[in-house]
N, C-alpha and C. Protein backbone atom coordinates (compact mmCIF):
# COMPACT_ATOMS: atom_id res chain seq x y z
N THR A 1 -6.84 5.69 -12.87
CA THR A 1 -5.45 6.52 -13.52
C THR A 1 -5.00 7.66 -12.08
N VAL A 2 -4.05 7.14 -11.74
CA VAL A 2 -3.64 8.07 -10.77
C VAL A 2 -2.56 8.42 -11.32
N VAL A 3 -2.32 10.06 -10.73
CA VAL A 3 -1.24 10.94 -11.85
C VAL A 3 -0.06 11.54 -10.46
N GLN A 4 1.06 11.95 -11.20
CA GLN A 4 2.10 12.15 -10.08
C GLN A 4 1.41 13.39 -8.80
N GLY A 5 1.57 13.27 -7.93
CA GLY A 5 1.54 14.19 -6.58
C GLY A 5 0.09 13.87 -6.02
N GLU A 6 -0.99 13.11 -6.95
CA GLU A 6 -2.01 12.64 -6.12
C GLU A 6 -2.21 12.19 -5.17
N THR A 7 -2.88 12.30 -3.98
CA THR A 7 -3.13 11.70 -2.51
C THR A 7 -3.83 10.52 -2.78
N ILE A 8 -3.47 9.13 -2.89
CA ILE A 8 -4.11 8.20 -3.18
C ILE A 8 -4.41 7.12 -1.46
N ALA A 9 -3.92 7.74 -0.68
CA ALA A 9 -4.06 7.20 0.83
C ALA A 9 -3.41 8.18 1.89
N LEU A 10 -3.74 7.91 3.19
CA LEU A 10 -3.44 8.60 3.99
C LEU A 10 -2.98 7.39 4.98
N SER A 11 -1.92 7.88 6.03
CA SER A 11 -1.35 7.15 7.06
C SER A 11 -1.67 7.41 8.64
N GLY A 12 -2.11 6.73 9.37
CA GLY A 12 -2.25 7.02 10.61
C GLY A 12 -1.66 6.27 11.64
N ASN A 13 -2.26 6.42 12.83
CA ASN A 13 -1.78 5.64 14.15
C ASN A 13 -3.16 4.73 14.71
N SER A 14 -3.99 4.08 14.11
CA SER A 14 -4.63 3.76 14.39
C SER A 14 -4.63 2.19 14.67
N GLY A 15 -5.65 1.56 15.66
CA GLY A 15 -5.06 0.00 15.83
C GLY A 15 -4.86 -0.42 16.95
N TYR A 16 -4.83 -1.67 17.24
CA TYR A 16 -4.26 -2.32 18.38
C TYR A 16 -2.68 -2.27 18.60
N ASN A 17 -2.14 -1.69 19.75
CA ASN A 17 -0.94 -1.93 19.59
C ASN A 17 0.19 -1.20 18.65
N THR A 18 -0.03 -0.11 18.26
CA THR A 18 0.63 0.55 17.39
C THR A 18 1.62 1.28 17.93
N THR A 19 2.76 1.50 16.91
CA THR A 19 3.96 2.44 17.27
C THR A 19 4.08 3.69 17.03
N GLY A 20 3.52 3.98 16.09
CA GLY A 20 3.48 5.30 15.11
C GLY A 20 2.83 4.96 13.98
N ALA A 21 2.83 6.17 13.07
CA ALA A 21 2.03 5.95 11.65
C ALA A 21 2.53 4.86 11.05
N HIS A 22 1.62 3.79 10.27
CA HIS A 22 2.18 2.81 9.70
C HIS A 22 0.96 2.67 8.36
N LEU A 23 1.80 1.99 7.26
CA LEU A 23 1.13 1.41 6.11
C LEU A 23 0.91 0.18 6.15
N HIS A 24 -0.02 -0.24 5.78
CA HIS A 24 -0.26 -1.47 5.13
C HIS A 24 -0.61 -1.42 3.58
N PHE A 25 0.50 -2.21 2.68
CA PHE A 25 0.71 -2.13 1.55
C PHE A 25 0.19 -3.33 0.81
N GLU A 26 -0.56 -3.50 -0.08
CA GLU A 26 -1.22 -4.53 -0.90
C GLU A 26 -1.44 -4.63 -2.32
N ILE A 27 -1.11 -5.17 -2.98
CA ILE A 27 -1.09 -5.64 -4.48
C ILE A 27 -2.15 -6.07 -4.83
N TRP A 28 -3.54 -6.04 -5.63
CA TRP A 28 -4.28 -7.03 -6.10
C TRP A 28 -4.43 -7.16 -7.76
N LYS A 29 -4.36 -8.15 -7.95
CA LYS A 29 -4.59 -8.47 -9.28
C LYS A 29 -5.54 -9.38 -9.84
N ASN A 30 -7.02 -9.22 -10.45
CA ASN A 30 -7.93 -9.91 -10.61
C ASN A 30 -8.67 -10.61 -9.66
N GLY A 31 -8.73 -9.81 -8.59
CA GLY A 31 -9.66 -10.13 -7.31
C GLY A 31 -8.28 -11.05 -6.33
N LYS A 32 -7.06 -11.40 -6.74
CA LYS A 32 -6.46 -11.86 -5.57
C LYS A 32 -5.14 -11.09 -5.52
N ALA A 33 -4.47 -11.23 -4.43
CA ALA A 33 -3.52 -10.56 -3.40
C ALA A 33 -2.48 -11.23 -4.13
N VAL A 34 -1.30 -10.30 -4.54
CA VAL A 34 0.01 -10.95 -5.23
C VAL A 34 1.16 -10.07 -4.55
N ASN A 35 2.32 -10.84 -4.80
CA ASN A 35 3.39 -10.61 -3.74
C ASN A 35 3.87 -9.11 -4.35
N PRO A 36 4.17 -8.12 -3.79
CA PRO A 36 4.34 -6.67 -4.54
C PRO A 36 5.94 -6.78 -4.84
N LYS A 37 6.74 -7.50 -4.39
CA LYS A 37 7.95 -7.51 -4.43
C LYS A 37 8.15 -7.59 -5.87
N ASN A 38 7.83 -8.84 -6.15
CA ASN A 38 8.00 -9.25 -7.95
C ASN A 38 7.29 -8.04 -9.13
N ILE A 39 6.22 -7.21 -8.61
CA ILE A 39 5.87 -6.13 -9.35
C ILE A 39 6.80 -5.02 -8.93
N LEU A 40 7.67 -4.56 -8.06
CA LEU A 40 8.04 -3.28 -7.83
C LEU A 40 9.54 -3.80 -8.11
N LEU A 41 10.20 -5.15 -8.06
CA LEU A 41 11.64 -5.11 -8.48
C LEU A 41 11.48 -5.10 -10.11
N ASN A 42 10.57 -5.27 -10.72
CA ASN A 42 10.40 -5.39 -12.21
C ASN A 42 9.86 -3.72 -12.93
N ASN A 43 9.71 -3.08 -12.24
CA ASN A 43 8.96 -1.36 -12.70
C ASN A 43 9.76 -0.57 -11.86
């Protein structure tokens, strides 16, 4: 469970050819990646 105000991730500037801080956002359900657009639009 995540509570409001809790840090769940940090963003950084690592990796090949980055242009600044960035975030890779994924949602997984039952061991499979799902399209986050469908979840975010419905919540």
